[in-house]
């Protein structure tokens, strides 16, 4: 079974969506990308998040967007 990329738990960051097994909010990645920073720059700042998690999140987001448009 595929490991979840995102976790929402009221005990962790008040239920804010975070990368699984971390306390790094998904919104932080989005803020970095919106500011023009690269995935590598994000990963440097948040070493508890893996490249696989970031790519997995972006792929899931893309799939949901494509499905909602279809």
PDB file of N, CA and C in Angstrom:
ATOM      1  N   UNK A   1       0.839  -1.191   0.000  1.00  0.00           N
ATOM      2  CA  UNK A   1       0.000   0.000   0.000  1.00  0.00           C
ATOM      3  C   UNK A   1       0.883   1.254   0.000  1.00  0.00           C
ATOM      4  N   UNK A   2       0.480   2.235  -0.758  1.00  0.00           N
ATOM      5  CA  UNK A   2       1.231   3.482  -0.886  1.00  0.00           C
ATOM      6  C   UNK A   2       1.133   4.299   0.406  1.00  0.00           C
ATOM      7  N   UNK A   3       2.262   4.825   0.838  1.00  0.00           N
ATOM      8  CA  UNK A   3       2.304   5.660   2.041  1.00  0.00           C
ATOM      9  C   UNK A   3       1.652   7.007   1.758  1.00  0.00           C
ATOM     10  N   UNK A   4       0.882   7.529   2.713  1.00  0.00           N
ATOM     11  CA  UNK A   4       0.296   8.859   2.504  1.00  0.00           C
ATOM     12  C   UNK A   4       1.380   9.934   2.479  1.00  0.00           C
ATOM     13  N   UNK A   5       1.147  10.929   1.678  1.00  0.00           N
ATOM     14  CA  UNK A   5       2.091  12.046   1.559  1.00  0.00           C
ATOM     15  C   UNK A   5       1.716  13.150   2.540  1.00  0.00           C
ATOM     16  N   UNK A   6       0.417  13.327   2.747  1.00  0.00           N
ATOM     17  CA  UNK A   6      -0.091  14.392   3.598  1.00  0.00           C
ATOM     18  C   UNK A   6      -0.772  13.790   4.811  1.00  0.00           C
ATOM     19  N   UNK A   7      -0.587  14.447   5.947  1.00  0.00           N
ATOM     20  CA  UNK A   7      -1.220  14.014   7.187  1.00  0.00           C
ATOM     21  C   UNK A   7      -1.959  15.194   7.802  1.00  0.00           C
ATOM     22  N   UNK A   8      -3.144  14.927   8.331  1.00  0.00           N
ATOM     23  CA  UNK A   8      -3.913  15.936   9.070  1.00  0.00           C
ATOM     24  C   UNK A   8      -4.300  15.305  10.395  1.00  0.00           C
ATOM     25  N   UNK A   9      -3.743  15.822  11.479  1.00  0.00           N
ATOM     26  CA  UNK A   9      -3.998  15.274  12.802  1.00  0.00           C
ATOM     27  C   UNK A   9      -4.166  16.449  13.756  1.00  0.00           C
ATOM     28  N   UNK A  10      -5.277  16.492  14.487  1.00  0.00           N
ATOM     29  CA  UNK A  10      -5.486  17.616  15.407  1.00  0.00           C
ATOM     30  C   UNK A  10      -4.378  17.762  16.452  1.00  0.00           C
ATOM     31  N   UNK A  11      -3.637  16.682  16.704  1.00  0.00           N
ATOM     32  CA  UNK A  11      -2.544  16.711  17.678  1.00  0.00           C
ATOM     33  C   UNK A  11      -1.250  17.287  17.095  1.00  0.00           C
ATOM     34  N   UNK A  12      -1.193  17.420  15.779  1.00  0.00           N
ATOM     35  CA  UNK A  12       0.018  17.932  15.113  1.00  0.00           C
ATOM     36  C   UNK A  12      -0.343  19.216  14.379  1.00  0.00           C
ATOM     37  N   UNK A  13       0.238  20.309  14.814  1.00  0.00           N
ATOM     38  CA  UNK A  13       0.035  21.624  14.196  1.00  0.00           C
ATOM     39  C   UNK A  13      -1.449  21.979  14.121  1.00  0.00           C
ATOM     40  N   UNK A  14      -2.230  21.534  15.102  1.00  0.00           N
ATOM     41  CA  UNK A  14      -3.645  21.884  15.167  1.00  0.00           C
ATOM     42  C   UNK A  14      -4.472  21.374  13.997  1.00  0.00           C
ATOM     43  N   UNK A  15      -3.995  20.307  13.342  1.00  0.00           N
ATOM     44  CA  UNK A  15      -4.735  19.731  12.228  1.00  0.00           C
ATOM     45  C   UNK A  15      -4.368  20.306  10.869  1.00  0.00           C
ATOM     46  N   UNK A  16      -3.404  21.209  10.841  1.00  0.00           N
ATOM     47  CA  UNK A  16      -2.932  21.762   9.575  1.00  0.00           C
ATOM     48  C   UNK A  16      -2.361  20.627   8.719  1.00  0.00           C
ATOM     49  N   UNK A  17      -2.679  20.574   7.428  1.00  0.00           N
ATOM     50  CA  UNK A  17      -2.091  19.537   6.573  1.00  0.00           C
ATOM     51  C   UNK A  17      -0.569  19.688   6.530  1.00  0.00           C
ATOM     52  N   UNK A  18       0.121  18.605   6.869  1.00  0.00           N
ATOM     53  CA  UNK A  18       1.585  18.592   6.892  1.00  0.00           C
ATOM     54  C   UNK A  18       2.078  17.408   6.065  1.00  0.00           C
ATOM     55  N   UNK A  19       3.348  17.448   5.693  1.00  0.00           N
ATOM     56  CA  UNK A  19       3.952  16.277   5.075  1.00  0.00           C
ATOM     57  C   UNK A  19       3.985  15.178   6.124  1.00  0.00           C
ATOM     58  N   UNK A  20       3.574  13.972   5.742  1.00  0.00           N
ATOM     59  CA  UNK A  20       3.481  12.846   6.668  1.00  0.00           C
ATOM     60  C   UNK A  20       4.798  12.653   7.416  1.00  0.00           C
ATOM     61  N   UNK A  21       4.681  12.359   8.699  1.00  0.00           N
ATOM     62  CA  UNK A  21       5.813  12.108   9.597  1.00  0.00           C
ATOM     63  C   UNK A  21       6.689  13.335   9.821  1.00  0.00           C
ATOM     64  N   UNK A  22       6.154  14.523   9.538  1.00  0.00           N
ATOM     65  CA  UNK A  22       6.876  15.771   9.811  1.00  0.00           C
ATOM     66  C   UNK A  22       5.903  16.758  10.444  1.00  0.00           C
ATOM     67  N   UNK A  23       6.417  17.928  10.759  1.00  0.00           N
ATOM     68  CA  UNK A  23       5.578  19.031  11.224  1.00  0.00           C
ATOM     69  C   UNK A  23       5.659  20.196  10.224  1.00  0.00           C
ATOM     70  N   UNK A  24       5.994  19.864   8.985  1.00  0.00           N
ATOM     71  CA  UNK A  24       6.161  20.881   7.940  1.00  0.00           C
ATOM     72  C   UNK A  24       4.846  21.018   7.167  1.00  0.00           C
ATOM     73  N   UNK A  25       4.195  22.181   7.279  1.00  0.00           N
ATOM     74  CA  UNK A  25       2.935  22.384   6.578  1.00  0.00           C
ATOM     75  C   UNK A  25       3.090  22.345   5.053  1.00  0.00           C
ATOM     76  N   UNK A  26       2.110  21.761   4.395  1.00  0.00           N
ATOM     77  CA  UNK A  26       2.064  21.754   2.934  1.00  0.00           C
ATOM     78  C   UNK A  26       2.081  23.188   2.412  1.00  0.00           C
ATOM     79  N   UNK A  27       1.410  24.086   3.117  1.00  0.00           N
ATOM     80  CA  UNK A  27       1.340  25.488   2.699  1.00  0.00           C
ATOM     81  C   UNK A  27       2.735  26.094   2.567  1.00  0.00           C
ATOM     82  N   UNK A  28       3.686  25.629   3.364  1.00  0.00           N
ATOM     83  CA  UNK A  28       5.044  26.163   3.286  1.00  0.00           C
ATOM     84  C   UNK A  28       5.654  25.868   1.921  1.00  0.00           C
ATOM     85  N   UNK A  29       5.452  24.655   1.418  1.00  0.00           N
ATOM     86  CA  UNK A  29       5.940  24.334   0.068  1.00  0.00           C
ATOM     87  C   UNK A  29       5.282  25.248  -0.953  1.00  0.00           C
ATOM     88  N   UNK A  30       3.977  25.402  -0.851  1.00  0.00           N
ATOM     89  CA  UNK A  30       3.267  26.256  -1.811  1.00  0.00           C
ATOM     90  C   UNK A  30       3.766  27.697  -1.749  1.00  0.00           C
ATOM     91  N   UNK A  31       4.047  28.181  -0.545  1.00  0.00           N
ATOM     92  CA  UNK A  31       4.581  29.543  -0.388  1.00  0.00           C
ATOM     93  C   UNK A  31       5.944  29.671  -1.068  1.00  0.00           C
ATOM     94  N   UNK A  32       6.803  28.669  -0.889  1.00  0.00           N
ATOM     95  CA  UNK A  32       8.126  28.684  -1.534  1.00  0.00           C
ATOM     96  C   UNK A  32       7.970  28.744  -3.052  1.00  0.00           C
ATOM     97  N   UNK A  33       7.129  27.851  -3.589  1.00  0.00           N
ATOM     98  CA  UNK A  33       6.959  27.792  -5.043  1.00  0.00           C
ATOM     99  C   UNK A  33       6.348  29.079  -5.573  1.00  0.00           C
ATOM    100  N   UNK A  34       5.392  29.634  -4.853  1.00  0.00           N
ATOM    101  CA  UNK A  34       4.755  30.883  -5.269  1.00  0.00           C
ATOM    102  C   UNK A  34       5.762  32.031  -5.301  1.00  0.00           C
ATOM    103  N   UNK A  35       6.722  31.987  -4.389  1.00  0.00           N
ATOM    104  CA  UNK A  35       7.747  33.042  -4.328  1.00  0.00           C
ATOM    105  C   UNK A  35       8.835  32.852  -5.385  1.00  0.00           C
ATOM    106  N   UNK A  36       8.758  31.748  -6.148  1.00  0.00           N
ATOM    107  CA  UNK A  36       9.753  31.518  -7.189  1.00  0.00           C
ATOM    108  C   UNK A  36      10.928  30.675  -6.739  1.00  0.00           C
ATOM    109  N   UNK A  37      10.871  30.157  -5.521  1.00  0.00           N
ATOM    110  CA  UNK A  37      11.940  29.298  -5.029  1.00  0.00           C
ATOM    111  C   UNK A  37      11.797  27.907  -5.635  1.00  0.00           C
ATOM    112  N   UNK A  38      12.902  27.194  -5.676  1.00  0.00           N
ATOM    113  CA  UNK A  38      12.896  25.850  -6.252  1.00  0.00           C
ATOM    114  C   UNK A  38      12.566  24.801  -5.188  1.00  0.00           C
ATOM    115  N   UNK A  39      12.261  23.609  -5.661  1.00  0.00           N
ATOM    116  CA  UNK A  39      12.052  22.489  -4.740  1.00  0.00           C
ATOM    117  C   UNK A  39      13.332  22.256  -3.938  1.00  0.00           C
ATOM    118  N   UNK A  40      14.486  22.355  -4.576  1.00  0.00           N
ATOM    119  CA  UNK A  40      15.758  22.160  -3.866  1.00  0.00           C
ATOM    120  C   UNK A  40      15.917  23.167  -2.727  1.00  0.00           C
ATOM    121  N   UNK A  41      15.533  24.409  -2.964  1.00  0.00           N
ATOM    122  CA  UNK A  41      15.625  25.421  -1.910  1.00  0.00           C
ATOM    123  C   UNK A  41      14.693  25.069  -0.745  1.00  0.00           C
ATOM    124  N   UNK A  42      13.493  24.604  -1.070  1.00  0.00           N
ATOM    125  CA  UNK A  42      12.562  24.171  -0.025  1.00  0.00           C
ATOM    126  C   UNK A  42      13.169  23.022   0.768  1.00  0.00           C
ATOM    127  N   UNK A  43      13.703  22.031   0.079  1.00  0.00           N
ATOM    128  CA  UNK A  43      14.267  20.854   0.753  1.00  0.00           C
ATOM    129  C   UNK A  43      15.470  21.221   1.629  1.00  0.00           C
ATOM    130  N   UNK A  44      16.253  22.209   1.205  1.00  0.00           N
ATOM    131  CA  UNK A  44      17.379  22.678   2.039  1.00  0.00           C
ATOM    132  C   UNK A  44      16.876  23.223   3.363  1.00  0.00           C
ATOM    133  N   UNK A  45      15.770  23.948   3.314  1.00  0.00           N
ATOM    134  CA  UNK A  45      15.222  24.557   4.517  1.00  0.00           C
ATOM    135  C   UNK A  45      14.454  23.582   5.398  1.00  0.00           C
ATOM    136  N   UNK A  46      14.008  22.483   4.820  1.00  0.00           N
ATOM    137  CA  UNK A  46      13.178  21.519   5.555  1.00  0.00           C
ATOM    138  C   UNK A  46      13.667  20.102   5.276  1.00  0.00           C
ATOM    139  N   UNK A  47      14.816  19.745   5.859  1.00  0.00           N
ATOM    140  CA  UNK A  47      15.425  18.441   5.559  1.00  0.00           C
ATOM    141  C   UNK A  47      14.604  17.229   6.031  1.00  0.00           C
ATOM    142  N   UNK A  48      13.590  17.439   6.852  1.00  0.00           N
ATOM    143  CA  UNK A  48      12.756  16.305   7.275  1.00  0.00           C
ATOM    144  C   UNK A  48      11.777  15.875   6.184  1.00  0.00           C
ATOM    145  N   UNK A  49      11.617  16.715   5.151  1.00  0.00           N
ATOM    146  CA  UNK A  49      10.755  16.396   4.015  1.00  0.00           C
ATOM    147  C   UNK A  49      11.635  15.817   2.911  1.00  0.00           C
ATOM    148  N   UNK A  50      11.160  14.740   2.288  1.00  0.00           N
ATOM    149  CA  UNK A  50      11.934  14.130   1.203  1.00  0.00           C
ATOM    150  C   UNK A  50      11.461  14.650  -0.155  1.00  0.00           C
ATOM    151  N   UNK A  51      12.352  14.531  -1.119  1.00  0.00           N
ATOM    152  CA  UNK A  51      11.998  14.896  -2.499  1.00  0.00           C
ATOM    153  C   UNK A  51      10.803  14.052  -2.952  1.00  0.00           C
ATOM    154  N   UNK A  52      10.781  12.778  -2.577  1.00  0.00           N
ATOM    155  CA  UNK A  52       9.687  11.891  -2.966  1.00  0.00           C
ATOM    156  C   UNK A  52       8.352  12.404  -2.417  1.00  0.00           C
ATOM    157  N   UNK A  53       8.356  12.940  -1.195  1.00  0.00           N
ATOM    158  CA  UNK A  53       7.127  13.494  -0.631  1.00  0.00           C
ATOM    159  C   UNK A  53       6.650  14.706  -1.435  1.00  0.00           C
ATOM    160  N   UNK A  54       7.578  15.577  -1.779  1.00  0.00           N
ATOM    161  CA  UNK A  54       7.215  16.781  -2.542  1.00  0.00           C
ATOM    162  C   UNK A  54       6.651  16.388  -3.902  1.00  0.00           C
ATOM    163  N   UNK A  55       7.345  15.501  -4.609  1.00  0.00           N
ATOM    164  CA  UNK A  55       6.885  15.069  -5.927  1.00  0.00           C
ATOM    165  C   UNK A  55       5.540  14.353  -5.800  1.00  0.00           C
ATOM    166  N   UNK A  56       5.407  13.508  -4.778  1.00  0.00           N
ATOM    167  CA  UNK A  56       4.145  12.809  -4.556  1.00  0.00           C
ATOM    168  C   UNK A  56       3.002  13.777  -4.319  1.00  0.00           C
ATOM    169  N   UNK A  57       3.240  14.806  -3.519  1.00  0.00           N
ATOM    170  CA  UNK A  57       2.198  15.806  -3.268  1.00  0.00           C
ATOM    171  C   UNK A  57       1.811  16.520  -4.559  1.00  0.00           C
ATOM    172  N   UNK A  58       2.803  16.952  -5.328  1.00  0.00           N
ATOM    173  CA  UNK A  58       2.519  17.679  -6.566  1.00  0.00           C
ATOM    174  C   UNK A  58       1.777  16.794  -7.570  1.00  0.00           C
ATOM    175  N   UNK A  59       2.136  15.508  -7.632  1.00  0.00           N
ATOM    176  CA  UNK A  59       1.436  14.591  -8.535  1.00  0.00           C
ATOM    177  C   UNK A  59      -0.014  14.397  -8.101  1.00  0.00           C
ATOM    178  N   UNK A  60      -0.237  14.250  -6.795  1.00  0.00           N
ATOM    179  CA  UNK A  60      -1.609  14.100  -6.284  1.00  0.00           C
ATOM    180  C   UNK A  60      -2.430  15.355  -6.575  1.00  0.00           C
ATOM    181  N   UNK A  61      -1.830  16.519  -6.367  1.00  0.00           N
ATOM    182  CA  UNK A  61      -2.532  17.776  -6.628  1.00  0.00           C
ATOM    183  C   UNK A  61      -2.879  17.890  -8.112  1.00  0.00           C
ATOM    184  N   UNK A  62      -1.939  17.532  -8.980  1.00  0.00           N
ATOM    185  CA  UNK A  62      -2.181  17.578 -10.424  1.00  0.00           C
ATOM    186  C   UNK A  62      -3.314  16.626 -10.798  1.00  0.00           C
ATOM    187  N   UNK A  63      -3.274  15.397 -10.267  1.00  0.00           N
ATOM    188  CA  UNK A  63      -4.314  14.412 -10.579  1.00  0.00           C
ATOM    189  C   UNK A  63      -5.690  14.902 -10.148  1.00  0.00           C
ATOM    190  N   UNK A  64      -5.773  15.512  -8.976  1.00  0.00           N
ATOM    191  CA  UNK A  64      -7.057  16.026  -8.499  1.00  0.00           C
ATOM    192  C   UNK A  64      -7.562  17.165  -9.374  1.00  0.00           C
ATOM    193  N   UNK A  65      -6.653  18.014  -9.803  1.00  0.00           N
ATOM    194  CA  UNK A  65      -7.027  19.124 -10.676  1.00  0.00           C
ATOM    195  C   UNK A  65      -7.532  18.606 -12.013  1.00  0.00           C
ATOM    196  N   UNK A  66      -6.805  17.659 -12.597  1.00  0.00           N
ATOM    197  CA  UNK A  66      -7.202  17.097 -13.889  1.00  0.00           C
ATOM    198  C   UNK A  66      -8.552  16.392 -13.761  1.00  0.00           C
ATOM    199  N   UNK A  67      -8.755  15.635 -12.675  1.00  0.00           N
ATOM    200  CA  UNK A  67     -10.011  14.937 -12.467  1.00  0.00           C
ATOM    201  C   UNK A  67     -11.181  15.906 -12.299  1.00  0.00           C
ATOM    202  N   UNK A  68     -10.942  17.034 -11.646  1.00  0.00           N
ATOM    203  CA  UNK A  68     -12.032  17.991 -11.411  1.00  0.00           C
ATOM    204  C   UNK A  68     -12.432  18.726 -12.688  1.00  0.00           C
ATOM    205  N   UNK A  69     -11.519  18.822 -13.628  1.00  0.00           N
ATOM    206  CA  UNK A  69     -11.800  19.503 -14.890  1.00  0.00           C
ATOM    207  C   UNK A  69     -12.495  18.561 -15.869  1.00  0.00           C
ATOM    208  N   UNK A  70     -12.229  17.264 -15.739  1.00  0.00           N
ATOM    209  CA  UNK A  70     -12.798  16.261 -16.675  1.00  0.00           C
ATOM    210  C   UNK A  70     -14.285  16.107 -16.499  1.00  0.00           C
TER     211      UNK A  70
END
